[in-house]
N, C-alpha and C. Protein backbone atom coordinates (compact mmCIF):
# COMPACT_ATOMS: atom_id res chain seq x y z
N MET A 1 61.61 173.61 190.90
CA MET A 1 63.01 173.82 191.26
C MET A 1 63.56 172.56 191.91
N SER A 2 64.76 172.13 191.49
CA SER A 2 65.36 170.93 192.05
C SER A 2 65.75 171.18 193.50
N GLY A 3 65.99 170.09 194.23
CA GLY A 3 66.37 170.22 195.62
C GLY A 3 67.66 171.01 195.79
N THR A 4 68.63 170.78 194.90
CA THR A 4 69.90 171.50 194.97
C THR A 4 69.70 172.99 194.70
N ASP A 5 68.92 173.30 193.67
CA ASP A 5 68.67 174.70 193.34
C ASP A 5 67.91 175.40 194.47
N ARG A 6 66.94 174.71 195.04
CA ARG A 6 66.18 175.29 196.15
C ARG A 6 67.10 175.57 197.33
N ARG A 7 67.98 174.64 197.62
CA ARG A 7 68.91 174.82 198.74
C ARG A 7 69.80 176.04 198.50
N HIS A 8 70.32 176.18 197.28
CA HIS A 8 71.14 177.35 196.95
C HIS A 8 70.34 178.64 197.09
N GLN A 9 69.09 178.62 196.66
CA GLN A 9 68.24 179.80 196.77
C GLN A 9 68.06 180.19 198.24
N LEU A 10 67.82 179.21 199.08
CA LEU A 10 67.62 179.49 200.51
C LEU A 10 68.90 180.01 201.15
N LEU A 11 70.05 179.45 200.76
CA LEU A 11 71.32 179.89 201.32
C LEU A 11 71.64 181.33 200.92
N GLU A 12 71.35 181.68 199.67
CA GLU A 12 71.58 183.05 199.22
C GLU A 12 70.68 184.03 199.97
N ALA A 13 69.42 183.65 200.15
CA ALA A 13 68.48 184.52 200.88
C ALA A 13 68.91 184.66 202.33
N ALA A 14 69.33 183.56 202.93
CA ALA A 14 69.76 183.59 204.33
C ALA A 14 71.03 184.42 204.49
N LEU A 15 71.97 184.27 203.57
CA LEU A 15 73.21 185.04 203.63
C LEU A 15 72.92 186.53 203.62
N ALA A 16 72.03 186.95 202.75
CA ALA A 16 71.71 188.38 202.64
C ALA A 16 71.13 188.92 203.94
N ILE A 17 70.28 188.14 204.60
CA ILE A 17 69.65 188.64 205.83
C ILE A 17 70.58 188.52 207.02
N PHE A 18 71.32 187.42 207.14
CA PHE A 18 72.32 187.31 208.21
C PHE A 18 73.34 188.44 208.11
N ALA A 19 73.67 188.84 206.88
CA ALA A 19 74.64 189.92 206.68
C ALA A 19 74.10 191.26 207.14
N ARG A 20 72.79 191.45 207.10
CA ARG A 20 72.18 192.72 207.51
C ARG A 20 71.81 192.74 208.99
N LYS A 21 71.44 191.57 209.53
CA LYS A 21 70.88 191.55 210.89
C LYS A 21 71.63 190.65 211.87
N GLY A 22 72.61 189.90 211.38
CA GLY A 22 73.30 188.98 212.28
C GLY A 22 72.45 187.76 212.58
N PHE A 23 73.00 186.86 213.37
CA PHE A 23 72.28 185.63 213.71
C PHE A 23 71.09 185.94 214.61
N ASP A 24 71.32 186.73 215.66
CA ASP A 24 70.25 186.99 216.63
C ASP A 24 69.09 187.76 216.02
N GLY A 25 69.39 188.67 215.09
CA GLY A 25 68.33 189.50 214.52
C GLY A 25 67.59 188.88 213.37
N THR A 26 68.00 187.70 212.92
CA THR A 26 67.38 187.05 211.76
C THR A 26 66.40 185.98 212.20
N THR A 27 65.27 185.89 211.51
CA THR A 27 64.31 184.82 211.76
C THR A 27 64.16 183.96 210.51
N THR A 28 63.82 182.71 210.70
CA THR A 28 63.60 181.83 209.54
C THR A 28 62.38 182.29 208.75
N LYS A 29 61.47 182.97 209.40
CA LYS A 29 60.30 183.50 208.70
C LYS A 29 60.74 184.56 207.69
N GLU A 30 61.69 185.42 208.08
CA GLU A 30 62.21 186.43 207.17
C GLU A 30 62.94 185.79 205.99
N VAL A 31 63.71 184.77 206.27
CA VAL A 31 64.44 184.09 205.19
C VAL A 31 63.46 183.47 204.20
N ALA A 32 62.42 182.83 204.74
CA ALA A 32 61.42 182.22 203.88
C ALA A 32 60.74 183.26 203.00
N ALA A 33 60.40 184.41 203.59
CA ALA A 33 59.74 185.46 202.82
C ALA A 33 60.66 185.98 201.72
N ALA A 34 61.96 186.16 202.05
CA ALA A 34 62.91 186.66 201.06
C ALA A 34 63.08 185.67 199.91
N ALA A 35 62.97 184.37 200.22
CA ALA A 35 63.12 183.33 199.19
C ALA A 35 61.82 183.04 198.48
N GLY A 36 60.71 183.59 198.97
CA GLY A 36 59.41 183.35 198.35
C GLY A 36 58.87 181.96 198.62
N VAL A 37 59.18 181.42 199.81
CA VAL A 37 58.69 180.09 200.18
C VAL A 37 58.09 180.15 201.57
N THR A 38 57.55 179.05 202.02
CA THR A 38 57.02 178.99 203.38
C THR A 38 58.13 178.57 204.35
N GLU A 39 57.89 178.82 205.63
CA GLU A 39 58.86 178.40 206.63
C GLU A 39 59.05 176.89 206.62
N ALA A 40 58.01 176.18 206.27
CA ALA A 40 58.10 174.73 206.23
C ALA A 40 59.17 174.27 205.23
N ILE A 41 59.29 175.00 204.14
CA ILE A 41 60.32 174.67 203.15
C ILE A 41 61.71 174.85 203.75
N ILE A 42 61.88 175.92 204.54
CA ILE A 42 63.17 176.14 205.22
C ILE A 42 63.51 174.92 206.06
N PHE A 43 62.56 174.49 206.89
CA PHE A 43 62.84 173.41 207.83
C PHE A 43 62.90 172.04 207.15
N ARG A 44 62.44 171.97 205.91
CA ARG A 44 62.60 170.74 205.16
C ARG A 44 64.07 170.54 204.79
N HIS A 45 64.78 171.65 204.58
CA HIS A 45 66.19 171.58 204.20
C HIS A 45 67.13 171.76 205.38
N PHE A 46 66.70 172.55 206.37
CA PHE A 46 67.55 172.86 207.52
C PHE A 46 66.70 172.74 208.79
N PRO A 47 67.04 171.82 209.69
CA PRO A 47 66.17 171.56 210.85
C PRO A 47 66.06 172.72 211.84
N THR A 48 67.11 173.57 211.91
CA THR A 48 67.10 174.70 212.85
C THR A 48 67.72 175.92 212.19
N LYS A 49 67.54 177.07 212.83
CA LYS A 49 68.19 178.29 212.33
C LYS A 49 69.70 178.15 212.40
N GLN A 50 70.20 177.50 213.45
CA GLN A 50 71.64 177.29 213.56
C GLN A 50 72.16 176.42 212.42
N ALA A 51 71.40 175.41 212.04
CA ALA A 51 71.81 174.56 210.92
C ALA A 51 71.86 175.36 209.63
N LEU A 52 70.91 176.27 209.45
CA LEU A 52 70.90 177.14 208.28
C LEU A 52 72.11 178.05 208.29
N TYR A 53 72.42 178.61 209.43
CA TYR A 53 73.57 179.52 209.58
C TYR A 53 74.87 178.79 209.28
N THR A 54 75.02 177.60 209.82
CA THR A 54 76.22 176.79 209.58
C THR A 54 76.35 176.47 208.10
N ALA A 55 75.24 176.16 207.46
CA ALA A 55 75.26 175.85 206.03
C ALA A 55 75.67 177.06 205.21
N VAL A 56 75.30 178.26 205.65
CA VAL A 56 75.71 179.48 204.96
C VAL A 56 77.24 179.61 205.01
N LEU A 57 77.83 179.35 206.16
CA LEU A 57 79.29 179.41 206.29
C LEU A 57 79.95 178.35 205.40
N ASP A 58 79.41 177.15 205.38
CA ASP A 58 79.96 176.07 204.55
C ASP A 58 79.84 176.43 203.07
N TYR A 59 78.73 177.04 202.71
CA TYR A 59 78.43 177.38 201.31
C TYR A 59 79.52 178.25 200.72
N ARG A 60 79.97 179.24 201.48
CA ARG A 60 81.03 180.13 201.00
C ARG A 60 82.37 179.40 200.92
N ALA A 61 82.67 178.59 201.92
CA ALA A 61 83.95 177.90 201.95
C ALA A 61 84.08 176.85 200.85
N GLN A 62 82.95 176.38 200.35
CA GLN A 62 82.96 175.36 199.30
C GLN A 62 82.78 175.95 197.90
N SER A 63 82.79 177.27 197.80
CA SER A 63 82.54 177.92 196.52
C SER A 63 83.68 177.65 195.53
N PRO A 64 83.38 177.65 194.23
CA PRO A 64 84.44 177.44 193.23
C PRO A 64 85.54 178.49 193.33
N GLU A 65 85.20 179.72 193.68
CA GLU A 65 86.20 180.79 193.77
C GLU A 65 87.20 180.49 194.89
N PHE A 66 86.69 180.01 196.01
CA PHE A 66 87.57 179.68 197.13
C PHE A 66 88.50 178.53 196.76
N GLN A 67 87.94 177.50 196.14
CA GLN A 67 88.74 176.34 195.75
C GLN A 67 89.79 176.72 194.70
N GLU A 68 89.42 177.62 193.80
CA GLU A 68 90.36 178.06 192.77
C GLU A 68 91.55 178.78 193.38
N SER A 69 91.27 179.67 194.36
CA SER A 69 92.36 180.38 195.04
C SER A 69 93.24 179.41 195.80
N LEU A 70 92.64 178.41 196.41
CA LEU A 70 93.41 177.42 197.16
C LEU A 70 94.33 176.63 196.23
N GLU A 71 93.84 176.27 195.07
CA GLU A 71 94.68 175.54 194.11
C GLU A 71 95.83 176.40 193.62
N ARG A 72 95.59 177.69 193.42
CA ARG A 72 96.67 178.59 192.99
C ARG A 72 97.74 178.72 194.09
N MET A 73 97.29 178.76 195.34
CA MET A 73 98.24 178.83 196.44
C MET A 73 99.09 177.56 196.51
N LYS A 74 98.45 176.42 196.34
CA LYS A 74 99.20 175.15 196.37
C LYS A 74 100.22 175.09 195.24
N ALA A 75 99.84 175.58 194.07
CA ALA A 75 100.77 175.60 192.94
C ALA A 75 101.97 176.48 193.24
N SER A 76 101.75 177.61 193.89
CA SER A 76 102.85 178.50 194.28
C SER A 76 103.76 177.81 195.28
N MET A 77 103.18 177.07 196.19
CA MET A 77 103.98 176.35 197.19
C MET A 77 104.86 175.30 196.53
N GLU A 78 104.32 174.62 195.55
CA GLU A 78 105.10 173.59 194.86
C GLU A 78 106.30 174.20 194.13
N ARG A 79 106.18 175.45 193.70
CA ARG A 79 107.27 176.14 193.00
C ARG A 79 108.18 176.91 193.96
N ASN A 80 107.84 176.88 195.26
CA ASN A 80 108.55 177.69 196.25
C ASN A 80 108.50 179.17 195.88
N ASP A 81 107.38 179.59 195.33
CA ASP A 81 107.22 180.98 194.90
C ASP A 81 106.53 181.76 196.03
N ASP A 82 107.35 182.23 196.98
CA ASP A 82 106.81 182.91 198.16
C ASP A 82 106.01 184.16 197.78
N GLU A 83 106.53 184.93 196.86
CA GLU A 83 105.88 186.18 196.49
C GLU A 83 104.52 185.94 195.85
N GLU A 84 104.42 184.96 194.96
CA GLU A 84 103.14 184.69 194.31
C GLU A 84 102.14 184.10 195.30
N LEU A 85 102.63 183.33 196.25
CA LEU A 85 101.74 182.79 197.29
C LEU A 85 101.12 183.92 198.09
N LEU A 86 101.94 184.87 198.52
CA LEU A 86 101.42 186.01 199.28
C LEU A 86 100.46 186.83 198.43
N ARG A 87 100.79 186.99 197.16
CA ARG A 87 99.93 187.76 196.25
C ARG A 87 98.57 187.09 196.08
N THR A 88 98.57 185.78 195.89
CA THR A 88 97.32 185.04 195.70
C THR A 88 96.45 185.14 196.95
N LEU A 89 97.07 185.01 198.12
CA LEU A 89 96.32 185.09 199.37
C LEU A 89 95.72 186.48 199.56
N ALA A 90 96.52 187.51 199.33
CA ALA A 90 96.02 188.88 199.51
C ALA A 90 94.92 189.20 198.52
N ARG A 91 95.09 188.80 197.27
CA ARG A 91 94.06 189.07 196.28
C ARG A 91 92.76 188.35 196.61
N ALA A 92 92.86 187.13 197.13
CA ALA A 92 91.65 186.38 197.47
C ALA A 92 90.88 187.08 198.58
N VAL A 93 91.60 187.61 199.56
CA VAL A 93 90.94 188.32 200.67
C VAL A 93 90.26 189.58 200.16
N VAL A 94 90.97 190.39 199.38
CA VAL A 94 90.39 191.63 198.85
C VAL A 94 89.20 191.31 197.94
N LYS A 95 89.34 190.29 197.11
CA LYS A 95 88.26 189.90 196.20
C LYS A 95 87.01 189.49 196.98
N SER A 96 87.20 188.83 198.12
CA SER A 96 86.06 188.43 198.93
C SER A 96 85.27 189.65 199.39
N TYR A 97 85.96 190.70 199.79
CA TYR A 97 85.27 191.92 200.21
C TYR A 97 84.59 192.62 199.04
N ARG A 98 85.18 192.54 197.86
CA ARG A 98 84.59 193.20 196.70
C ARG A 98 83.38 192.44 196.17
N GLU A 99 83.49 191.13 196.07
CA GLU A 99 82.47 190.34 195.38
C GLU A 99 81.50 189.64 196.33
N ASP A 100 81.88 189.46 197.59
CA ASP A 100 81.02 188.74 198.52
C ASP A 100 81.07 189.40 199.90
N PRO A 101 80.80 190.72 199.98
CA PRO A 101 80.90 191.40 201.27
C PRO A 101 79.91 190.88 202.30
N GLY A 102 78.81 190.29 201.83
CA GLY A 102 77.83 189.76 202.77
C GLY A 102 78.43 188.72 203.69
N TYR A 103 79.25 187.85 203.14
CA TYR A 103 79.87 186.80 203.95
C TYR A 103 80.78 187.42 205.02
N GLU A 104 81.54 188.44 204.64
CA GLU A 104 82.41 189.10 205.61
C GLU A 104 81.59 189.79 206.69
N ARG A 105 80.45 190.34 206.32
CA ARG A 105 79.57 190.98 207.30
C ARG A 105 78.99 189.94 208.27
N VAL A 106 78.67 188.77 207.75
CA VAL A 106 78.15 187.70 208.62
C VAL A 106 79.18 187.36 209.69
N LEU A 107 80.45 187.24 209.30
CA LEU A 107 81.50 186.91 210.26
C LEU A 107 81.71 188.05 211.25
N LEU A 108 81.63 189.29 210.77
CA LEU A 108 81.77 190.43 211.67
C LEU A 108 80.63 190.46 212.68
N PHE A 109 79.42 190.20 212.23
CA PHE A 109 78.28 190.12 213.15
C PHE A 109 78.50 189.03 214.18
N ALA A 110 79.02 187.89 213.76
CA ALA A 110 79.25 186.78 214.68
C ALA A 110 80.19 187.20 215.80
N ALA A 111 81.23 187.95 215.45
CA ALA A 111 82.17 188.42 216.46
C ALA A 111 81.51 189.44 217.39
N LEU A 112 80.74 190.36 216.83
CA LEU A 112 80.08 191.40 217.63
C LEU A 112 79.02 190.82 218.55
N GLU A 113 78.32 189.79 218.06
CA GLU A 113 77.27 189.17 218.86
C GLU A 113 77.81 188.15 219.86
N GLY A 114 79.08 187.80 219.70
CA GLY A 114 79.64 186.75 220.54
C GLY A 114 79.05 185.39 220.21
N HIS A 115 78.75 185.18 218.93
CA HIS A 115 78.15 183.91 218.51
C HIS A 115 79.26 182.88 218.36
N GLU A 116 79.66 182.29 219.48
CA GLU A 116 80.83 181.44 219.51
C GLU A 116 80.67 180.19 218.66
N GLN A 117 79.46 179.67 218.56
CA GLN A 117 79.26 178.48 217.74
C GLN A 117 79.58 178.76 216.28
N GLY A 118 79.14 179.92 215.80
CA GLY A 118 79.44 180.30 214.42
C GLY A 118 80.91 180.59 214.21
N LEU A 119 81.54 181.28 215.18
CA LEU A 119 82.96 181.59 215.06
C LEU A 119 83.80 180.31 215.10
N ALA A 120 83.42 179.38 215.98
CA ALA A 120 84.15 178.12 216.08
C ALA A 120 84.05 177.33 214.78
N HIS A 121 82.87 177.37 214.16
CA HIS A 121 82.71 176.65 212.90
C HIS A 121 83.56 177.29 211.81
N HIS A 122 83.62 178.63 211.80
CA HIS A 122 84.45 179.32 210.82
C HIS A 122 85.92 178.96 211.02
N ARG A 123 86.38 178.96 212.27
CA ARG A 123 87.77 178.59 212.54
C ARG A 123 88.07 177.17 212.06
N GLN A 124 87.09 176.30 212.25
CA GLN A 124 87.26 174.92 211.79
C GLN A 124 87.39 174.85 210.27
N LEU A 125 86.65 175.71 209.56
CA LEU A 125 86.70 175.73 208.10
C LEU A 125 88.05 176.22 207.59
N VAL A 126 88.60 177.25 208.23
CA VAL A 126 89.84 177.85 207.73
C VAL A 126 91.08 177.18 208.30
N ALA A 127 90.93 176.34 209.33
CA ALA A 127 92.08 175.71 209.97
C ALA A 127 92.96 174.94 208.98
N PRO A 128 92.39 174.13 208.07
CA PRO A 128 93.26 173.39 207.14
C PRO A 128 94.11 174.31 206.26
N VAL A 129 93.54 175.44 205.83
CA VAL A 129 94.29 176.39 205.01
C VAL A 129 95.39 177.03 205.84
N TYR A 130 95.07 177.40 207.08
CA TYR A 130 96.06 178.00 207.96
C TYR A 130 97.22 177.04 208.20
N GLU A 131 96.92 175.78 208.48
CA GLU A 131 97.97 174.80 208.73
C GLU A 131 98.82 174.56 207.49
N LEU A 132 98.17 174.57 206.32
CA LEU A 132 98.90 174.41 205.07
C LEU A 132 99.92 175.54 204.89
N LEU A 133 99.48 176.77 205.14
CA LEU A 133 100.37 177.92 205.02
C LEU A 133 101.45 177.89 206.08
N ARG A 134 101.07 177.54 207.29
CA ARG A 134 102.05 177.49 208.38
C ARG A 134 103.14 176.46 208.10
N ASP A 135 102.76 175.29 207.62
CA ASP A 135 103.74 174.26 207.29
C ASP A 135 104.68 174.73 206.18
N TYR A 136 104.11 175.43 205.21
CA TYR A 136 104.92 175.92 204.10
C TYR A 136 105.96 176.93 204.59
N PHE A 137 105.53 177.92 205.36
CA PHE A 137 106.47 178.94 205.82
C PHE A 137 107.50 178.37 206.79
N THR A 138 107.10 177.36 207.56
CA THR A 138 108.06 176.68 208.44
C THR A 138 109.15 176.01 207.61
N ARG A 139 108.75 175.35 206.54
CA ARG A 139 109.73 174.70 205.66
C ARG A 139 110.65 175.73 205.01
N ARG A 140 110.07 176.83 204.56
CA ARG A 140 110.87 177.85 203.90
C ARG A 140 111.85 178.51 204.87
N GLN A 141 111.49 178.57 206.14
CA GLN A 141 112.43 179.06 207.15
C GLN A 141 113.59 178.10 207.32
N ARG A 142 113.30 176.81 207.37
CA ARG A 142 114.37 175.80 207.50
C ARG A 142 115.32 175.87 206.31
N GLU A 143 114.77 176.23 205.14
CA GLU A 143 115.59 176.34 203.94
C GLU A 143 116.35 177.66 203.85
N GLY A 144 116.10 178.56 204.82
CA GLY A 144 116.79 179.85 204.84
C GLY A 144 116.22 180.87 203.87
N ALA A 145 115.01 180.62 203.36
CA ALA A 145 114.43 181.51 202.35
C ALA A 145 113.73 182.72 202.97
N ILE A 146 113.23 182.58 204.19
CA ILE A 146 112.56 183.70 204.86
C ILE A 146 113.07 183.77 206.30
N ILE A 147 112.88 184.93 206.92
CA ILE A 147 113.41 185.16 208.27
C ILE A 147 112.68 184.29 209.29
N GLY A 148 113.30 184.15 210.44
CA GLY A 148 112.79 183.21 211.43
C GLY A 148 111.77 183.76 212.40
N VAL A 149 110.78 184.51 211.92
CA VAL A 149 109.67 184.91 212.78
C VAL A 149 108.65 183.77 212.81
N ASP A 150 107.76 183.81 213.77
CA ASP A 150 106.74 182.77 213.83
C ASP A 150 105.94 182.74 212.54
N PRO A 151 105.77 181.57 211.92
CA PRO A 151 105.03 181.50 210.66
C PRO A 151 103.61 182.07 210.76
N GLY A 152 103.01 181.93 211.93
CA GLY A 152 101.68 182.51 212.11
C GLY A 152 101.69 184.01 211.98
N THR A 153 102.81 184.64 212.35
CA THR A 153 102.93 186.09 212.21
C THR A 153 102.97 186.50 210.75
N VAL A 154 103.65 185.69 209.92
CA VAL A 154 103.69 185.97 208.49
C VAL A 154 102.28 185.92 207.91
N ILE A 155 101.52 184.89 208.28
CA ILE A 155 100.15 184.74 207.78
C ILE A 155 99.28 185.90 208.26
N ALA A 156 99.43 186.25 209.54
CA ALA A 156 98.64 187.36 210.10
C ALA A 156 98.98 188.67 209.42
N ALA A 157 100.24 188.85 209.06
CA ALA A 157 100.67 190.11 208.45
C ALA A 157 100.02 190.31 207.08
N ILE A 158 100.17 189.35 206.19
CA ILE A 158 99.61 189.53 204.85
C ILE A 158 98.09 189.47 204.88
N GLY A 159 97.54 188.54 205.65
CA GLY A 159 96.08 188.45 205.75
C GLY A 159 95.49 189.67 206.42
N GLY A 160 96.17 190.18 207.44
CA GLY A 160 95.67 191.35 208.16
C GLY A 160 95.67 192.60 207.31
N MET A 161 96.74 192.82 206.54
CA MET A 161 96.79 193.98 205.66
C MET A 161 95.65 193.94 204.64
N ALA A 162 95.49 192.77 204.00
CA ALA A 162 94.46 192.66 202.97
C ALA A 162 93.06 192.78 203.57
N LYS A 163 92.86 192.17 204.73
CA LYS A 163 91.53 192.19 205.34
C LYS A 163 91.17 193.59 205.83
N ASN A 164 92.12 194.27 206.44
CA ASN A 164 91.85 195.62 206.91
C ASN A 164 91.57 196.56 205.74
N TYR A 165 92.32 196.41 204.65
CA TYR A 165 92.08 197.22 203.46
C TYR A 165 90.68 196.96 202.90
N GLY A 166 90.30 195.68 202.81
CA GLY A 166 88.98 195.34 202.31
C GLY A 166 87.88 195.91 203.19
N MET A 167 88.06 195.83 204.50
CA MET A 167 87.06 196.34 205.43
C MET A 167 86.96 197.86 205.36
N MET A 168 88.11 198.53 205.33
CA MET A 168 88.12 200.00 205.26
C MET A 168 87.39 200.50 204.02
N THR A 169 87.66 199.88 202.88
CA THR A 169 87.13 200.40 201.62
C THR A 169 85.72 199.90 201.33
N GLN A 170 85.40 198.69 201.73
CA GLN A 170 84.09 198.12 201.40
C GLN A 170 83.03 198.45 202.43
N MET A 171 83.42 198.50 203.71
CA MET A 171 82.44 198.68 204.78
C MET A 171 82.42 200.09 205.36
N PHE A 172 83.61 200.73 205.42
CA PHE A 172 83.71 202.01 206.11
C PHE A 172 83.83 203.20 205.17
N GLY A 173 83.89 202.94 203.87
CA GLY A 173 83.84 204.03 202.91
C GLY A 173 85.13 204.76 202.63
N PHE A 174 86.26 204.27 203.14
CA PHE A 174 87.53 204.89 202.82
C PHE A 174 87.98 204.45 201.42
N HIS A 175 88.77 205.30 200.77
CA HIS A 175 89.26 204.97 199.44
C HIS A 175 90.70 205.43 199.29
N ILE A 176 91.46 204.65 198.55
CA ILE A 176 92.80 205.07 198.17
C ILE A 176 92.71 205.51 196.72
N GLU A 177 92.57 206.81 196.52
CA GLU A 177 92.25 207.35 195.21
C GLU A 177 93.33 207.07 194.17
N SER A 178 94.58 207.01 194.62
CA SER A 178 95.69 206.96 193.67
C SER A 178 96.09 205.54 193.29
N ALA A 179 95.38 204.52 193.79
CA ALA A 179 95.82 203.15 193.53
C ALA A 179 94.62 202.23 193.35
N THR A 180 94.75 201.27 192.44
CA THR A 180 93.75 200.22 192.27
C THR A 180 93.97 199.13 193.30
N ASP A 181 93.02 198.22 193.40
CA ASP A 181 93.17 197.10 194.32
C ASP A 181 94.45 196.31 194.04
N ASP A 182 94.71 196.04 192.76
CA ASP A 182 95.91 195.28 192.40
C ASP A 182 97.18 196.04 192.79
N GLU A 183 97.16 197.35 192.63
CA GLU A 183 98.34 198.14 193.00
C GLU A 183 98.53 198.15 194.52
N VAL A 184 97.44 198.21 195.26
CA VAL A 184 97.54 198.14 196.72
C VAL A 184 98.10 196.79 197.14
N VAL A 185 97.61 195.72 196.54
CA VAL A 185 98.12 194.39 196.86
C VAL A 185 99.61 194.30 196.56
N GLU A 186 100.03 194.86 195.42
CA GLU A 186 101.46 194.84 195.10
C GLU A 186 102.27 195.60 196.15
N GLY A 187 101.68 196.67 196.69
CA GLY A 187 102.34 197.39 197.79
C GLY A 187 102.50 196.51 199.01
N PHE A 188 101.44 195.76 199.33
CA PHE A 188 101.52 194.83 200.46
C PHE A 188 102.63 193.80 200.25
N ILE A 189 102.72 193.27 199.02
CA ILE A 189 103.73 192.26 198.73
C ILE A 189 105.13 192.85 198.87
N HIS A 190 105.31 194.08 198.40
CA HIS A 190 106.62 194.73 198.53
C HIS A 190 106.97 194.90 200.00
N ILE A 191 106.01 195.33 200.81
CA ILE A 191 106.27 195.49 202.24
C ILE A 191 106.64 194.15 202.87
N MET A 192 105.94 193.11 202.51
CA MET A 192 106.22 191.79 203.07
C MET A 192 107.60 191.28 202.65
N MET A 193 107.98 191.52 201.41
CA MET A 193 109.22 190.96 200.89
C MET A 193 110.44 191.86 201.18
N HIS A 194 110.21 193.20 201.28
CA HIS A 194 111.36 194.11 201.37
C HIS A 194 111.24 195.15 202.48
N GLY A 195 110.10 195.28 203.14
CA GLY A 195 109.93 196.32 204.14
C GLY A 195 109.60 197.66 203.49
N ILE A 196 109.65 198.73 204.27
CA ILE A 196 109.31 200.04 203.74
C ILE A 196 110.51 200.99 203.70
N ARG A 197 111.63 200.62 204.30
CA ARG A 197 112.81 201.48 204.27
C ARG A 197 113.63 201.20 203.03
N PRO A 198 114.09 202.25 202.34
CA PRO A 198 114.95 202.02 201.16
C PRO A 198 116.29 201.45 201.60
N ALA A 199 116.85 200.60 200.76
CA ALA A 199 118.15 200.01 201.07
C ALA A 199 119.22 201.10 201.07
N LYS A 200 120.13 201.03 202.06
CA LYS A 200 121.24 201.96 202.12
C LYS A 200 122.35 201.50 201.19
N ALA A 201 123.24 202.38 200.89
CA ALA A 201 124.34 202.05 199.99
C ALA A 201 125.10 200.85 200.54
N GLY A 202 125.30 199.86 199.69
CA GLY A 202 126.04 198.67 200.07
C GLY A 202 125.18 197.56 200.65
N GLU A 203 123.90 197.88 200.98
CA GLU A 203 122.99 196.87 201.52
C GLU A 203 122.28 196.15 200.38
N LYS A 204 121.97 194.88 200.62
CA LYS A 204 121.16 194.13 199.67
C LYS A 204 119.70 194.41 199.94
């Protein structure tokens, strides 16, 4: 196995165990056993358990799926397509819970354990995306395209709806029987763009 393939194998094994046991409950010996290698192989690629944990967080953030969603968001920004930007962001969050729930569990464990080093690294990873979105919504406010609430509130609203939905359905077993994921996301977009109250006669 090449060095790159071995590293990916170790990261996948580590992600699975960190997702089940958190940082504190995971040992490098367990990761090695899950990957079918010795602990020495782990430390050949990662000098400490913390380095392995950090690499797991980086591994997800550098995935082709993440980069693809980011490029779609940038394309929406270039077109000033607010609705498609919100849709792309919400779909990416829901998709993460559907296709990579282990990563979301790792982050949840980090919060529950108070693993500040891991949480700080995650914030550092997402900060550029947050700033990109914040700058965009600030510009759109100056252009009069969206209301003048704090841009961070807009990001928290769409991200929070999608993340809570993903957590409810993927981790806690709740289901919305009458709607697919895409239909739920479209509901979120409608709420963001128009609210939940029907327009009164004469109102736009």
